[in-house]
Amino acid sequence: MTDNTSIPPSSLGGNYPPPNTPEDIINDWLTVESFCERFPNIPEPTLRWQLTTRKRNGLEPHVRVIGKKRYISVSGYAAWLSDSAIAG
């Protein structure tokens, strides 16, 4: 896994900058497994449920399915989480 210092390891909240370069954009997308390794404070079953219900919970724009793999945008998830916290 590539070390990406633009992703804060401790949390996903707050003002999270969108990716700017092509490398940042590619590194912003993680598989479920990689996402949970990078952010162990988000349990994998919770993330999987959020992905399963992404059309209802608003996470859909931040998820891509390629083949059988689901990829989550870290910056998109952070924005979604922040918006969900404000709304709820």
N, C-alpha and C. Protein backbone atom coordinates (compact mmCIF):
# COMPACT_ATOMS: atom_id res chain seq x y z
N MET A 1 0.84 -1.16 0.00
CA MET A 1 0.00 0.00 0.00
C MET A 1 0.89 1.23 0.00
N THR A 2 0.50 2.23 -0.74
CA THR A 2 1.28 3.45 -0.87
C THR A 2 1.00 4.37 0.31
N ASP A 3 2.06 4.97 0.86
CA ASP A 3 1.89 5.93 1.93
C ASP A 3 1.46 7.25 1.32
N ASN A 4 0.31 7.74 1.74
CA ASN A 4 -0.20 8.99 1.22
C ASN A 4 -0.34 9.96 2.38
N THR A 5 0.60 10.88 2.50
CA THR A 5 0.61 11.78 3.64
C THR A 5 -0.50 12.82 3.57
N SER A 6 -1.22 12.92 2.45
CA SER A 6 -2.30 13.89 2.37
C SER A 6 -3.56 13.39 3.08
N ILE A 7 -3.57 12.13 3.50
CA ILE A 7 -4.72 11.58 4.20
C ILE A 7 -4.39 11.52 5.68
N PRO A 8 -5.11 12.27 6.50
CA PRO A 8 -4.80 12.24 7.92
C PRO A 8 -5.15 10.88 8.51
N PRO A 9 -4.21 10.24 9.22
CA PRO A 9 -4.45 8.90 9.71
C PRO A 9 -5.38 8.85 10.91
N SER A 10 -5.58 9.96 11.61
CA SER A 10 -6.31 9.90 12.86
C SER A 10 -7.82 10.07 12.72
N SER A 11 -8.28 10.79 11.70
CA SER A 11 -9.72 11.00 11.60
C SER A 11 -10.10 11.33 10.17
N LEU A 12 -11.41 11.35 9.95
CA LEU A 12 -11.93 11.67 8.64
C LEU A 12 -12.73 12.96 8.64
N GLY A 13 -12.94 13.57 9.78
CA GLY A 13 -13.81 14.73 9.86
C GLY A 13 -13.11 16.02 9.52
N GLY A 14 -13.85 17.09 9.59
CA GLY A 14 -13.29 18.42 9.41
C GLY A 14 -13.21 18.83 7.96
N ASN A 15 -12.41 19.86 7.70
CA ASN A 15 -12.23 20.37 6.35
C ASN A 15 -11.25 19.48 5.61
N TYR A 16 -11.76 18.61 4.82
CA TYR A 16 -10.94 17.63 4.12
C TYR A 16 -10.75 18.09 2.69
N PRO A 17 -9.51 18.40 2.27
CA PRO A 17 -9.29 18.93 0.92
C PRO A 17 -9.55 17.88 -0.15
N PRO A 18 -10.18 18.27 -1.25
CA PRO A 18 -10.37 17.32 -2.34
C PRO A 18 -9.04 17.03 -3.02
N PRO A 19 -8.92 15.87 -3.63
CA PRO A 19 -7.67 15.54 -4.32
C PRO A 19 -7.47 16.47 -5.52
N ASN A 20 -6.20 16.84 -5.78
CA ASN A 20 -5.91 17.80 -6.84
C ASN A 20 -5.19 17.19 -8.04
N THR A 21 -4.20 16.36 -7.79
CA THR A 21 -3.41 15.80 -8.88
C THR A 21 -3.96 14.43 -9.27
N PRO A 22 -3.62 13.94 -10.46
CA PRO A 22 -4.06 12.58 -10.84
C PRO A 22 -3.63 11.53 -9.82
N GLU A 23 -2.43 11.67 -9.27
CA GLU A 23 -1.97 10.71 -8.26
C GLU A 23 -2.83 10.79 -7.00
N ASP A 24 -3.16 12.02 -6.59
CA ASP A 24 -4.04 12.20 -5.43
C ASP A 24 -5.41 11.58 -5.68
N ILE A 25 -5.92 11.77 -6.88
CA ILE A 25 -7.24 11.24 -7.21
C ILE A 25 -7.23 9.72 -7.14
N ILE A 26 -6.22 9.09 -7.70
CA ILE A 26 -6.13 7.62 -7.66
C ILE A 26 -5.94 7.13 -6.24
N ASN A 27 -5.08 7.79 -5.48
CA ASN A 27 -4.82 7.38 -4.10
C ASN A 27 -6.00 7.64 -3.18
N ASP A 28 -6.94 8.46 -3.61
CA ASP A 28 -8.13 8.77 -2.81
C ASP A 28 -9.10 7.59 -2.77
N TRP A 29 -9.03 6.68 -3.74
CA TRP A 29 -9.95 5.55 -3.82
C TRP A 29 -9.33 4.31 -3.21
N LEU A 30 -10.01 3.74 -2.22
CA LEU A 30 -9.53 2.56 -1.52
C LEU A 30 -10.57 1.46 -1.55
N THR A 31 -10.10 0.22 -1.55
CA THR A 31 -11.02 -0.91 -1.38
C THR A 31 -11.51 -0.90 0.07
N VAL A 32 -12.54 -1.68 0.33
CA VAL A 32 -13.08 -1.77 1.69
C VAL A 32 -11.98 -2.19 2.66
N GLU A 33 -11.22 -3.20 2.28
CA GLU A 33 -10.17 -3.73 3.15
C GLU A 33 -9.10 -2.67 3.43
N SER A 34 -8.65 -1.99 2.38
CA SER A 34 -7.62 -0.95 2.54
C SER A 34 -8.14 0.22 3.37
N PHE A 35 -9.40 0.58 3.15
CA PHE A 35 -10.01 1.67 3.90
C PHE A 35 -10.02 1.34 5.39
N CYS A 36 -10.42 0.12 5.73
CA CYS A 36 -10.50 -0.28 7.14
C CYS A 36 -9.11 -0.44 7.76
N GLU A 37 -8.12 -0.80 6.97
CA GLU A 37 -6.75 -0.84 7.48
C GLU A 37 -6.25 0.57 7.79
N ARG A 38 -6.56 1.50 6.91
CA ARG A 38 -6.11 2.88 7.09
C ARG A 38 -6.86 3.57 8.22
N PHE A 39 -8.15 3.24 8.39
CA PHE A 39 -8.99 3.87 9.41
C PHE A 39 -9.63 2.79 10.28
N PRO A 40 -8.85 2.22 11.21
CA PRO A 40 -9.36 1.12 12.02
C PRO A 40 -10.48 1.52 12.98
N ASN A 41 -10.70 2.82 13.16
CA ASN A 41 -11.79 3.28 14.01
C ASN A 41 -13.16 3.10 13.36
N ILE A 42 -13.19 2.77 12.07
CA ILE A 42 -14.44 2.49 11.38
C ILE A 42 -14.50 0.97 11.16
N PRO A 43 -15.37 0.27 11.89
CA PRO A 43 -15.43 -1.19 11.78
C PRO A 43 -15.86 -1.62 10.37
N GLU A 44 -15.24 -2.67 9.87
CA GLU A 44 -15.56 -3.17 8.53
C GLU A 44 -17.03 -3.50 8.36
N PRO A 45 -17.69 -4.17 9.33
CA PRO A 45 -19.13 -4.44 9.15
C PRO A 45 -19.95 -3.15 9.01
N THR A 46 -19.57 -2.11 9.73
CA THR A 46 -20.27 -0.83 9.62
C THR A 46 -20.10 -0.24 8.23
N LEU A 47 -18.86 -0.24 7.75
CA LEU A 47 -18.60 0.30 6.41
C LEU A 47 -19.33 -0.51 5.34
N ARG A 48 -19.32 -1.82 5.46
CA ARG A 48 -20.02 -2.66 4.48
C ARG A 48 -21.52 -2.37 4.47
N TRP A 49 -22.11 -2.15 5.66
CA TRP A 49 -23.53 -1.81 5.72
C TRP A 49 -23.78 -0.44 5.08
N GLN A 50 -22.91 0.51 5.35
CA GLN A 50 -23.05 1.83 4.73
C GLN A 50 -22.98 1.72 3.21
N LEU A 51 -22.10 0.85 2.70
CA LEU A 51 -21.99 0.66 1.26
C LEU A 51 -23.21 -0.05 0.69
N THR A 52 -23.74 -0.99 1.43
CA THR A 52 -24.94 -1.72 0.98
C THR A 52 -26.12 -0.77 0.87
N THR A 53 -26.22 0.18 1.77
CA THR A 53 -27.36 1.11 1.79
C THR A 53 -26.99 2.48 1.20
N ARG A 54 -25.95 2.54 0.38
CA ARG A 54 -25.42 3.82 -0.11
C ARG A 54 -26.42 4.63 -0.93
N LYS A 55 -27.37 3.99 -1.60
CA LYS A 55 -28.35 4.74 -2.38
C LYS A 55 -29.34 5.46 -1.48
N ARG A 56 -29.59 4.91 -0.30
CA ARG A 56 -30.52 5.53 0.64
C ARG A 56 -29.85 6.52 1.57
N ASN A 57 -28.57 6.28 1.87
CA ASN A 57 -27.91 7.13 2.87
C ASN A 57 -27.08 8.26 2.27
N GLY A 58 -27.01 8.35 0.94
CA GLY A 58 -26.30 9.45 0.29
C GLY A 58 -24.83 9.21 0.01
N LEU A 59 -24.34 8.01 0.29
CA LEU A 59 -22.93 7.70 0.07
C LEU A 59 -22.65 7.32 -1.40
N GLU A 60 -23.67 7.08 -2.17
CA GLU A 60 -23.55 6.60 -3.57
C GLU A 60 -22.54 7.37 -4.42
N PRO A 61 -22.50 8.71 -4.38
CA PRO A 61 -21.54 9.43 -5.24
C PRO A 61 -20.08 9.18 -4.89
N HIS A 62 -19.83 8.61 -3.73
CA HIS A 62 -18.46 8.42 -3.26
C HIS A 62 -18.00 6.97 -3.34
N VAL A 63 -18.76 6.16 -4.08
CA VAL A 63 -18.46 4.73 -4.22
C VAL A 63 -18.42 4.37 -5.70
N ARG A 64 -17.44 3.57 -6.08
CA ARG A 64 -17.35 3.05 -7.44
C ARG A 64 -17.21 1.54 -7.37
N VAL A 65 -17.86 0.86 -8.27
CA VAL A 65 -17.73 -0.60 -8.36
C VAL A 65 -17.00 -0.90 -9.66
N ILE A 66 -15.87 -1.58 -9.52
CA ILE A 66 -15.08 -2.00 -10.69
C ILE A 66 -14.94 -3.51 -10.58
N GLY A 67 -15.57 -4.21 -11.52
CA GLY A 67 -15.62 -5.66 -11.42
C GLY A 67 -16.46 -6.02 -10.20
N LYS A 68 -15.88 -6.76 -9.29
CA LYS A 68 -16.58 -7.12 -8.06
C LYS A 68 -16.08 -6.33 -6.86
N LYS A 69 -15.15 -5.42 -7.09
CA LYS A 69 -14.55 -4.63 -6.01
C LYS A 69 -15.29 -3.30 -5.85
N ARG A 70 -15.52 -2.92 -4.60
CA ARG A 70 -16.08 -1.61 -4.30
C ARG A 70 -14.95 -0.71 -3.81
N TYR A 71 -14.90 0.49 -4.33
CA TYR A 71 -13.89 1.48 -3.96
C TYR A 71 -14.59 2.67 -3.33
N ILE A 72 -13.99 3.19 -2.26
CA ILE A 72 -14.55 4.31 -1.53
C ILE A 72 -13.59 5.49 -1.65
N SER A 73 -14.12 6.65 -1.98
CA SER A 73 -13.32 7.87 -1.99
C SER A 73 -13.14 8.32 -0.55
N VAL A 74 -11.90 8.44 -0.11
CA VAL A 74 -11.63 8.86 1.26
C VAL A 74 -12.14 10.28 1.48
N SER A 75 -11.84 11.18 0.56
CA SER A 75 -12.30 12.57 0.73
C SER A 75 -13.82 12.64 0.64
N GLY A 76 -14.42 11.84 -0.23
CA GLY A 76 -15.88 11.82 -0.34
C GLY A 76 -16.53 11.26 0.91
N TYR A 77 -15.95 10.19 1.45
CA TYR A 77 -16.47 9.61 2.69
C TYR A 77 -16.38 10.61 3.83
N ALA A 78 -15.25 11.32 3.90
CA ALA A 78 -15.07 12.32 4.96
C ALA A 78 -16.12 13.42 4.85
N ALA A 79 -16.39 13.88 3.64
CA ALA A 79 -17.41 14.91 3.42
C ALA A 79 -18.78 14.38 3.79
N TRP A 80 -19.07 13.15 3.37
CA TRP A 80 -20.36 12.52 3.68
C TRP A 80 -20.53 12.36 5.19
N LEU A 81 -19.48 11.90 5.85
CA LEU A 81 -19.53 11.71 7.30
C LEU A 81 -19.74 13.04 8.01
N SER A 82 -19.04 14.06 7.57
CA SER A 82 -19.18 15.39 8.16
C SER A 82 -20.59 15.94 7.93
N ASP A 83 -21.10 15.80 6.71
CA ASP A 83 -22.46 16.26 6.40
C ASP A 83 -23.50 15.48 7.20
N SER A 84 -23.28 14.17 7.37
CA SER A 84 -24.21 13.34 8.12
C SER A 84 -24.22 13.75 9.58
N ALA A 85 -23.06 14.09 10.13
CA ALA A 85 -22.97 14.51 11.53
C ALA A 85 -23.69 15.85 11.74
N ILE A 86 -23.57 16.74 10.77
CA ILE A 86 -24.22 18.04 10.87
C ILE A 86 -25.74 17.89 10.74
N ALA A 87 -26.18 17.04 9.79
CA ALA A 87 -27.60 16.84 9.55
C ALA A 87 -28.28 16.06 10.67
N GLY A 88 -27.53 15.14 11.29
CA GLY A 88 -28.14 14.27 12.29
C GLY A 88 -27.86 14.71 13.63
